[in-house]
Amino acid sequence: MAGAAGTITGTGAVGTSAVTHASIKMDFSGTASVDIEEQMPSGAWIKIVTGVTADYRQVYESPTLATIRLNCTSFTNNVEYSIEFN
């Protein structure tokens, strides 16, 4: 599987990926808040999931190719993340 993976170590956006189908996973070491966002044709980002604060796994599906990212809005401890797609 291809995708993006790493560790969130502060506030800001990470893991930008163009997908139609993806598995999004986050493992929280402590306290943080992460939004999942999708990019509009204008380049603006909209929230599709807001305020994830605990371990998370979800499948994201879009009928067309969409660019998604994780955006950490509040940070105290690291968050390991993975966005996997075929």
PDB file of N, CA and C in Angstrom:
ATOM      1  N   MET A   1       0.834  -1.188   0.000  1.00  0.00           N
ATOM      2  CA  MET A   1       0.000   0.000   0.000  1.00  0.00           C
ATOM      3  C   MET A   1       0.873   1.244   0.000  1.00  0.00           C
ATOM      4  N   ALA A   2       0.415   2.251  -0.695  1.00  0.00           N
ATOM      5  CA  ALA A   2       1.088   3.545  -0.712  1.00  0.00           C
ATOM      6  C   ALA A   2       0.385   4.468   0.275  1.00  0.00           C
ATOM      7  N   GLY A   3       0.979   5.618   0.517  1.00  0.00           N
ATOM      8  CA  GLY A   3       0.323   6.572   1.396  1.00  0.00           C
ATOM      9  C   GLY A   3       1.309   7.441   2.129  1.00  0.00           C
ATOM     10  N   ALA A   4       0.840   8.006   3.198  1.00  0.00           N
ATOM     11  CA  ALA A   4       1.649   8.887   4.040  1.00  0.00           C
ATOM     12  C   ALA A   4       1.598   8.356   5.463  1.00  0.00           C
ATOM     13  N   ALA A   5       2.718   8.460   6.153  1.00  0.00           N
ATOM     14  CA  ALA A   5       2.775   8.016   7.537  1.00  0.00           C
ATOM     15  C   ALA A   5       3.841   8.824   8.253  1.00  0.00           C
ATOM     16  N   GLY A   6       3.670   8.957   9.559  1.00  0.00           N
ATOM     17  CA  GLY A   6       4.651   9.684  10.333  1.00  0.00           C
ATOM     18  C   GLY A   6       4.135   9.964  11.725  1.00  0.00           C
ATOM     19  N   THR A   7       4.718  10.993  12.341  1.00  0.00           N
ATOM     20  CA  THR A   7       4.334  11.386  13.687  1.00  0.00           C
ATOM     21  C   THR A   7       4.051  12.872  13.724  1.00  0.00           C
ATOM     22  N   ILE A   8       2.907  13.233  14.258  1.00  0.00           N
ATOM     23  CA  ILE A   8       2.567  14.635  14.469  1.00  0.00           C
ATOM     24  C   ILE A   8       3.291  15.069  15.746  1.00  0.00           C
ATOM     25  N   THR A   9       4.116  16.110  15.634  1.00  0.00           N
ATOM     26  CA  THR A   9       4.921  16.571  16.772  1.00  0.00           C
ATOM     27  C   THR A   9       4.625  18.022  17.135  1.00  0.00           C
ATOM     28  N   GLY A  10       3.549  18.570  16.574  1.00  0.00           N
ATOM     29  CA  GLY A  10       3.150  19.947  16.859  1.00  0.00           C
ATOM     30  C   GLY A  10       1.928  20.300  16.048  1.00  0.00           C
ATOM     31  N   THR A  11       1.440  21.514  16.179  1.00  0.00           N
ATOM     32  CA  THR A  11       0.263  21.919  15.419  1.00  0.00           C
ATOM     33  C   THR A  11       0.637  22.142  13.954  1.00  0.00           C
ATOM     34  N   GLY A  12      -0.370  21.998  13.087  1.00  0.00           N
ATOM     35  CA  GLY A  12      -0.174  22.202  11.655  1.00  0.00           C
ATOM     36  C   GLY A  12      -0.618  21.004  10.855  1.00  0.00           C
ATOM     37  N   ALA A  13      -0.554  21.148   9.520  1.00  0.00           N
ATOM     38  CA  ALA A  13      -1.047  20.128   8.601  1.00  0.00           C
ATOM     39  C   ALA A  13       0.048  19.142   8.216  1.00  0.00           C
ATOM     40  N   VAL A  14      -0.341  17.859   8.075  1.00  0.00           N
ATOM     41  CA  VAL A  14       0.567  16.778   7.657  1.00  0.00           C
ATOM     42  C   VAL A  14      -0.210  15.768   6.824  1.00  0.00           C
ATOM     43  N   GLY A  15       0.514  14.877   6.163  1.00  0.00           N
ATOM     44  CA  GLY A  15      -0.099  13.710   5.537  1.00  0.00           C
ATOM     45  C   GLY A  15      -0.955  13.988   4.323  1.00  0.00           C
ATOM     46  N   THR A  16      -0.681  15.052   3.573  1.00  0.00           N
ATOM     47  CA  THR A  16      -1.497  15.376   2.407  1.00  0.00           C
ATOM     48  C   THR A  16      -1.404  14.255   1.376  1.00  0.00           C
ATOM     49  N   SER A  17      -2.582  13.745   0.929  1.00  0.00           N
ATOM     50  CA  SER A  17      -2.640  12.633  -0.012  1.00  0.00           C
ATOM     51  C   SER A  17      -3.835  12.798  -0.938  1.00  0.00           C
ATOM     52  N   ALA A  18      -3.650  12.469  -2.221  1.00  0.00           N
ATOM     53  CA  ALA A  18      -4.757  12.457  -3.184  1.00  0.00           C
ATOM     54  C   ALA A  18      -5.304  11.032  -3.238  1.00  0.00           C
ATOM     55  N   VAL A  19      -6.580  10.849  -2.916  1.00  0.00           N
ATOM     56  CA  VAL A  19      -7.158   9.514  -2.776  1.00  0.00           C
ATOM     57  C   VAL A  19      -8.614   9.483  -3.240  1.00  0.00           C
ATOM     58  N   THR A  20      -9.107   8.276  -3.499  1.00  0.00           N
ATOM     59  CA  THR A  20     -10.551   8.038  -3.615  1.00  0.00           C
ATOM     60  C   THR A  20     -11.003   7.119  -2.486  1.00  0.00           C
ATOM     61  N   HIS A  21     -10.072   6.320  -1.980  1.00  0.00           N
ATOM     62  CA  HIS A  21     -10.367   5.349  -0.924  1.00  0.00           C
ATOM     63  C   HIS A  21      -9.113   5.227  -0.064  1.00  0.00           C
ATOM     64  N   ALA A  22      -9.239   5.475   1.239  1.00  0.00           N
ATOM     65  CA  ALA A  22      -8.063   5.415   2.109  1.00  0.00           C
ATOM     66  C   ALA A  22      -8.455   4.968   3.509  1.00  0.00           C
ATOM     67  N   SER A  23      -7.512   4.318   4.179  1.00  0.00           N
ATOM     68  CA  SER A  23      -7.654   3.976   5.585  1.00  0.00           C
ATOM     69  C   SER A  23      -6.847   5.003   6.374  1.00  0.00           C
ATOM     70  N   ILE A  24      -7.509   5.728   7.267  1.00  0.00           N
ATOM     71  CA  ILE A  24      -6.856   6.749   8.084  1.00  0.00           C
ATOM     72  C   ILE A  24      -6.773   6.215   9.508  1.00  0.00           C
ATOM     73  N   LYS A  25      -5.540   6.178  10.047  1.00  0.00           N
ATOM     74  CA  LYS A  25      -5.331   5.683  11.405  1.00  0.00           C
ATOM     75  C   LYS A  25      -4.501   6.687  12.191  1.00  0.00           C
ATOM     76  N   MET A  26      -4.858   6.872  13.475  1.00  0.00           N
ATOM     77  CA  MET A  26      -4.083   7.726  14.369  1.00  0.00           C
ATOM     78  C   MET A  26      -3.987   7.054  15.729  1.00  0.00           C
ATOM     79  N   ASP A  27      -2.775   7.095  16.303  1.00  0.00           N
ATOM     80  CA  ASP A  27      -2.513   6.541  17.628  1.00  0.00           C
ATOM     81  C   ASP A  27      -2.019   7.680  18.513  1.00  0.00           C
ATOM     82  N   PHE A  28      -2.825   8.070  19.490  1.00  0.00           N
ATOM     83  CA  PHE A  28      -2.528   9.211  20.354  1.00  0.00           C
ATOM     84  C   PHE A  28      -1.704   8.759  21.558  1.00  0.00           C
ATOM     85  N   SER A  29      -0.562   9.438  21.795  1.00  0.00           N
ATOM     86  CA  SER A  29       0.284   9.163  22.957  1.00  0.00           C
ATOM     87  C   SER A  29      -0.209   9.898  24.191  1.00  0.00           C
ATOM     88  N   GLY A  30      -1.026  10.901  23.998  1.00  0.00           N
ATOM     89  CA  GLY A  30      -1.523  11.722  25.098  1.00  0.00           C
ATOM     90  C   GLY A  30      -2.624  12.631  24.581  1.00  0.00           C
ATOM     91  N   THR A  31      -2.419  13.932  24.729  1.00  0.00           N
ATOM     92  CA  THR A  31      -3.455  14.900  24.396  1.00  0.00           C
ATOM     93  C   THR A  31      -3.115  15.645  23.108  1.00  0.00           C
ATOM     94  N   ALA A  32      -4.044  15.637  22.168  1.00  0.00           N
ATOM     95  CA  ALA A  32      -3.946  16.405  20.924  1.00  0.00           C
ATOM     96  C   ALA A  32      -5.340  16.435  20.308  1.00  0.00           C
ATOM     97  N   SER A  33      -5.554  17.322  19.348  1.00  0.00           N
ATOM     98  CA  SER A  33      -6.809  17.387  18.612  1.00  0.00           C
ATOM     99  C   SER A  33      -6.472  17.509  17.130  1.00  0.00           C
ATOM    100  N   VAL A  34      -7.010  16.579  16.324  1.00  0.00           N
ATOM    101  CA  VAL A  34      -6.676  16.526  14.903  1.00  0.00           C
ATOM    102  C   VAL A  34      -7.955  16.561  14.073  1.00  0.00           C
ATOM    103  N   ASP A  35      -7.981  17.422  13.054  1.00  0.00           N
ATOM    104  CA  ASP A  35      -9.077  17.482  12.095  1.00  0.00           C
ATOM    105  C   ASP A  35      -8.642  16.766  10.817  1.00  0.00           C
ATOM    106  N   ILE A  36      -9.594  16.155  10.124  1.00  0.00           N
ATOM    107  CA  ILE A  36      -9.347  15.599   8.799  1.00  0.00           C
ATOM    108  C   ILE A  36     -10.013  16.560   7.825  1.00  0.00           C
ATOM    109  N   GLU A  37      -9.257  17.007   6.825  1.00  0.00           N
ATOM    110  CA  GLU A  37      -9.743  18.040   5.910  1.00  0.00           C
ATOM    111  C   GLU A  37      -9.628  17.582   4.464  1.00  0.00           C
ATOM    112  N   GLU A  38     -10.502  18.141   3.613  1.00  0.00           N
ATOM    113  CA  GLU A  38     -10.491  17.873   2.178  1.00  0.00           C
ATOM    114  C   GLU A  38     -10.338  19.195   1.444  1.00  0.00           C
ATOM    115  N   GLN A  39      -9.558  19.173   0.372  1.00  0.00           N
ATOM    116  CA  GLN A  39      -9.296  20.401  -0.377  1.00  0.00           C
ATOM    117  C   GLN A  39     -10.364  20.644  -1.434  1.00  0.00           C
ATOM    118  N   MET A  40     -10.867  21.876  -1.481  1.00  0.00           N
ATOM    119  CA  MET A  40     -11.833  22.314  -2.489  1.00  0.00           C
ATOM    120  C   MET A  40     -11.078  22.674  -3.774  1.00  0.00           C
ATOM    121  N   PRO A  41     -11.778  22.742  -4.926  1.00  0.00           N
ATOM    122  CA  PRO A  41     -11.116  23.139  -6.172  1.00  0.00           C
ATOM    123  C   PRO A  41     -10.429  24.510  -6.081  1.00  0.00           C
ATOM    124  N   SER A  42     -10.940  25.390  -5.235  1.00  0.00           N
ATOM    125  CA  SER A  42     -10.349  26.717  -5.065  1.00  0.00           C
ATOM    126  C   SER A  42      -9.020  26.673  -4.318  1.00  0.00           C
ATOM    127  N   GLY A  43      -8.725  25.537  -3.665  1.00  0.00           N
ATOM    128  CA  GLY A  43      -7.527  25.416  -2.848  1.00  0.00           C
ATOM    129  C   GLY A  43      -7.824  25.536  -1.358  1.00  0.00           C
ATOM    130  N   ALA A  44      -9.024  25.988  -1.005  1.00  0.00           N
ATOM    131  CA  ALA A  44      -9.424  26.091   0.398  1.00  0.00           C
ATOM    132  C   ALA A  44      -9.608  24.688   0.975  1.00  0.00           C
ATOM    133  N   TRP A  45      -9.440  24.572   2.294  1.00  0.00           N
ATOM    134  CA  TRP A  45      -9.612  23.298   2.988  1.00  0.00           C
ATOM    135  C   TRP A  45     -10.893  23.325   3.802  1.00  0.00           C
ATOM    136  N   ILE A  46     -11.686  22.232   3.710  1.00  0.00           N
ATOM    137  CA  ILE A  46     -12.903  22.111   4.510  1.00  0.00           C
ATOM    138  C   ILE A  46     -12.752  20.943   5.473  1.00  0.00           C
ATOM    139  N   LYS A  47     -13.404  21.049   6.619  1.00  0.00           N
ATOM    140  CA  LYS A  47     -13.350  19.994   7.637  1.00  0.00           C
ATOM    141  C   LYS A  47     -14.306  18.871   7.244  1.00  0.00           C
ATOM    142  N   ILE A  48     -13.799  17.623   7.260  1.00  0.00           N
ATOM    143  CA  ILE A  48     -14.707  16.488   7.054  1.00  0.00           C
ATOM    144  C   ILE A  48     -14.863  15.679   8.339  1.00  0.00           C
ATOM    145  N   VAL A  49     -13.890  15.778   9.235  1.00  0.00           N
ATOM    146  CA  VAL A  49     -13.981  15.234  10.595  1.00  0.00           C
ATOM    147  C   VAL A  49     -13.284  16.253  11.495  1.00  0.00           C
ATOM    148  N   THR A  50     -13.937  16.620  12.599  1.00  0.00           N
ATOM    149  CA  THR A  50     -13.391  17.663  13.463  1.00  0.00           C
ATOM    150  C   THR A  50     -13.095  17.129  14.855  1.00  0.00           C
ATOM    151  N   GLY A  51     -11.938  17.501  15.383  1.00  0.00           N
ATOM    152  CA  GLY A  51     -11.621  17.275  16.786  1.00  0.00           C
ATOM    153  C   GLY A  51     -11.420  15.834  17.208  1.00  0.00           C
ATOM    154  N   VAL A  52     -10.668  15.052  16.431  1.00  0.00           N
ATOM    155  CA  VAL A  52     -10.330  13.696  16.861  1.00  0.00           C
ATOM    156  C   VAL A  52      -9.323  13.818  18.003  1.00  0.00           C
ATOM    157  N   THR A  53      -9.629  13.206  19.150  1.00  0.00           N
ATOM    158  CA  THR A  53      -8.778  13.342  20.338  1.00  0.00           C
ATOM    159  C   THR A  53      -8.359  11.996  20.939  1.00  0.00           C
ATOM    160  N   ALA A  54      -8.714  10.897  20.287  1.00  0.00           N
ATOM    161  CA  ALA A  54      -8.370   9.567  20.800  1.00  0.00           C
ATOM    162  C   ALA A  54      -8.046   8.662  19.621  1.00  0.00           C
ATOM    163  N   ASP A  55      -7.455   7.492  19.906  1.00  0.00           N
ATOM    164  CA  ASP A  55      -7.098   6.554  18.845  1.00  0.00           C
ATOM    165  C   ASP A  55      -8.244   6.442  17.851  1.00  0.00           C
ATOM    166  N   TYR A  56      -7.893   6.364  16.553  1.00  0.00           N
ATOM    167  CA  TYR A  56      -8.893   6.518  15.492  1.00  0.00           C
ATOM    168  C   TYR A  56      -8.529   5.629  14.320  1.00  0.00           C
ATOM    169  N   ARG A  57      -9.530   5.005  13.727  1.00  0.00           N
ATOM    170  CA  ARG A  57      -9.388   4.291  12.460  1.00  0.00           C
ATOM    171  C   ARG A  57     -10.690   4.431  11.706  1.00  0.00           C
ATOM    172  N   GLN A  58     -10.583   4.874  10.457  1.00  0.00           N
ATOM    173  CA  GLN A  58     -11.778   5.062   9.645  1.00  0.00           C
ATOM    174  C   GLN A  58     -11.389   4.935   8.178  1.00  0.00           C
ATOM    175  N   VAL A  59     -12.337   4.482   7.371  1.00  0.00           N
ATOM    176  CA  VAL A  59     -12.131   4.413   5.931  1.00  0.00           C
ATOM    177  C   VAL A  59     -12.769   5.644   5.309  1.00  0.00           C
ATOM    178  N   TYR A  60     -11.991   6.346   4.489  1.00  0.00           N
ATOM    179  CA  TYR A  60     -12.465   7.533   3.772  1.00  0.00           C
ATOM    180  C   TYR A  60     -12.744   7.127   2.336  1.00  0.00           C
ATOM    181  N   GLU A  61     -13.913   7.504   1.816  1.00  0.00           N
ATOM    182  CA  GLU A  61     -14.253   7.210   0.428  1.00  0.00           C
ATOM    183  C   GLU A  61     -14.803   8.446  -0.244  1.00  0.00           C
ATOM    184  N   SER A  62     -14.405   8.647  -1.509  1.00  0.00           N
ATOM    185  CA  SER A  62     -14.885   9.758  -2.310  1.00  0.00           C
ATOM    186  C   SER A  62     -15.190   9.224  -3.709  1.00  0.00           C
ATOM    187  N   PRO A  63     -16.267   9.688  -4.348  1.00  0.00           N
ATOM    188  CA  PRO A  63     -16.582   9.198  -5.687  1.00  0.00           C
ATOM    189  C   PRO A  63     -15.581   9.703  -6.739  1.00  0.00           C
ATOM    190  N   THR A  64     -14.827  10.747  -6.424  1.00  0.00           N
ATOM    191  CA  THR A  64     -13.807  11.294  -7.314  1.00  0.00           C
ATOM    192  C   THR A  64     -12.514  11.486  -6.520  1.00  0.00           C
ATOM    193  N   LEU A  65     -11.422  11.697  -7.226  1.00  0.00           N
ATOM    194  CA  LEU A  65     -10.143  11.923  -6.576  1.00  0.00           C
ATOM    195  C   LEU A  65     -10.215  13.171  -5.705  1.00  0.00           C
ATOM    196  N   ALA A  66      -9.812  13.041  -4.454  1.00  0.00           N
ATOM    197  CA  ALA A  66      -9.850  14.157  -3.512  1.00  0.00           C
ATOM    198  C   ALA A  66      -8.531  14.214  -2.754  1.00  0.00           C
ATOM    199  N   THR A  67      -8.099  15.423  -2.430  1.00  0.00           N
ATOM    200  CA  THR A  67      -6.892  15.598  -1.633  1.00  0.00           C
ATOM    201  C   THR A  67      -7.310  15.804  -0.186  1.00  0.00           C
ATOM    202  N   ILE A  68      -6.757  14.967   0.703  1.00  0.00           N
ATOM    203  CA  ILE A  68      -7.076  15.060   2.126  1.00  0.00           C
ATOM    204  C   ILE A  68      -5.791  15.302   2.912  1.00  0.00           C
ATOM    205  N   ARG A  69      -5.945  15.776   4.128  1.00  0.00           N
ATOM    206  CA  ARG A  69      -4.810  15.958   5.029  1.00  0.00           C
ATOM    207  C   ARG A  69      -5.285  15.893   6.465  1.00  0.00           C
ATOM    208  N   LEU A  70      -4.337  15.738   7.376  1.00  0.00           N
ATOM    209  CA  LEU A  70      -4.604  15.828   8.808  1.00  0.00           C
ATOM    210  C   LEU A  70      -4.110  17.190   9.263  1.00  0.00           C
ATOM    211  N   ASN A  71      -4.869  17.854  10.130  1.00  0.00           N
ATOM    212  CA  ASN A  71      -4.489  19.171  10.630  1.00  0.00           C
ATOM    213  C   ASN A  71      -4.591  19.167  12.149  1.00  0.00           C
ATOM    214  N   CYS A  72      -3.440  19.191  12.820  1.00  0.00           N
ATOM    215  CA  CYS A  72      -3.402  19.195  14.283  1.00  0.00           C
ATOM    216  C   CYS A  72      -3.661  20.617  14.766  1.00  0.00           C
ATOM    217  N   THR A  73      -4.737  20.797  15.509  1.00  0.00           N
ATOM    218  CA  THR A  73      -5.136  22.133  15.963  1.00  0.00           C
ATOM    219  C   THR A  73      -4.784  22.398  17.418  1.00  0.00           C
ATOM    220  N   SER A  74      -4.489  21.340  18.171  1.00  0.00           N
ATOM    221  CA  SER A  74      -4.105  21.469  19.579  1.00  0.00           C
ATOM    222  C   SER A  74      -3.154  20.330  19.890  1.00  0.00           C
ATOM    223  N   PHE A  75      -2.024  20.640  20.543  1.00  0.00           N
ATOM    224  CA  PHE A  75      -0.992  19.620  20.713  1.00  0.00           C
ATOM    225  C   PHE A  75      -0.370  19.663  22.100  1.00  0.00           C
ATOM    226  N   THR A  76      -0.274  18.480  22.713  1.00  0.00           N
ATOM    227  CA  THR A  76       0.518  18.299  23.925  1.00  0.00           C
ATOM    228  C   THR A  76       1.461  17.109  23.762  1.00  0.00           C
ATOM    229  N   ASN A  77       0.966  16.007  23.154  1.00  0.00           N
ATOM    230  CA  ASN A  77       1.768  14.795  22.969  1.00  0.00           C
ATOM    231  C   ASN A  77       1.690  14.318  21.515  1.00  0.00           C
ATOM    232  N   ASN A  78       2.671  13.520  21.109  1.00  0.00           N
ATOM    233  CA  ASN A  78       2.758  13.033  19.729  1.00  0.00           C
ATOM    234  C   ASN A  78       1.568  12.175  19.322  1.00  0.00           C
ATOM    235  N   VAL A  79       1.296  12.185  18.004  1.00  0.00           N
ATOM    236  CA  VAL A  79       0.262  11.338  17.405  1.00  0.00           C
ATOM    237  C   VAL A  79       0.890  10.639  16.203  1.00  0.00           C
ATOM    238  N   GLU A  80       0.941   9.311  16.237  1.00  0.00           N
ATOM    239  CA  GLU A  80       1.400   8.553  15.074  1.00  0.00           C
ATOM    240  C   GLU A  80       0.222   8.442  14.111  1.00  0.00           C
ATOM    241  N   TYR A  81       0.484   8.661  12.812  1.00  0.00           N
ATOM    242  CA  TYR A  81      -0.608   8.601  11.832  1.00  0.00           C
ATOM    243  C   TYR A  81      -0.212   7.787  10.617  1.00  0.00           C
ATOM    244  N   SER A  82      -1.222   7.295   9.922  1.00  0.00           N
ATOM    245  CA  SER A  82      -1.035   6.559   8.676  1.00  0.00           C
ATOM    246  C   SER A  82      -2.252   6.805   7.786  1.00  0.00           C
ATOM    247  N   ILE A  83      -1.999   7.165   6.535  1.00  0.00           N
ATOM    248  CA  ILE A  83      -3.048   7.259   5.509  1.00  0.00           C
ATOM    249  C   ILE A  83      -2.629   6.282   4.422  1.00  0.00           C
ATOM    250  N   GLU A  84      -3.333   5.148   4.291  1.00  0.00           N
ATOM    251  CA  GLU A  84      -2.964   4.101   3.359  1.00  0.00           C
ATOM    252  C   GLU A  84      -4.005   3.976   2.271  1.00  0.00           C
ATOM    253  N   PHE A  85      -3.528   3.789   1.037  1.00  0.00           N
ATOM    254  CA  PHE A  85      -4.444   3.617  -0.092  1.00  0.00           C
ATOM    255  C   PHE A  85      -3.782   2.753  -1.145  1.00  0.00           C
ATOM    256  N   ASN A  86      -4.602   2.191  -2.051  1.00  0.00           N
ATOM    257  CA  ASN A  86      -4.082   1.355  -3.148  1.00  0.00           C
ATOM    258  C   ASN A  86      -3.714   2.220  -4.322  1.00  0.00           C
TER     259      ASN A  86
END
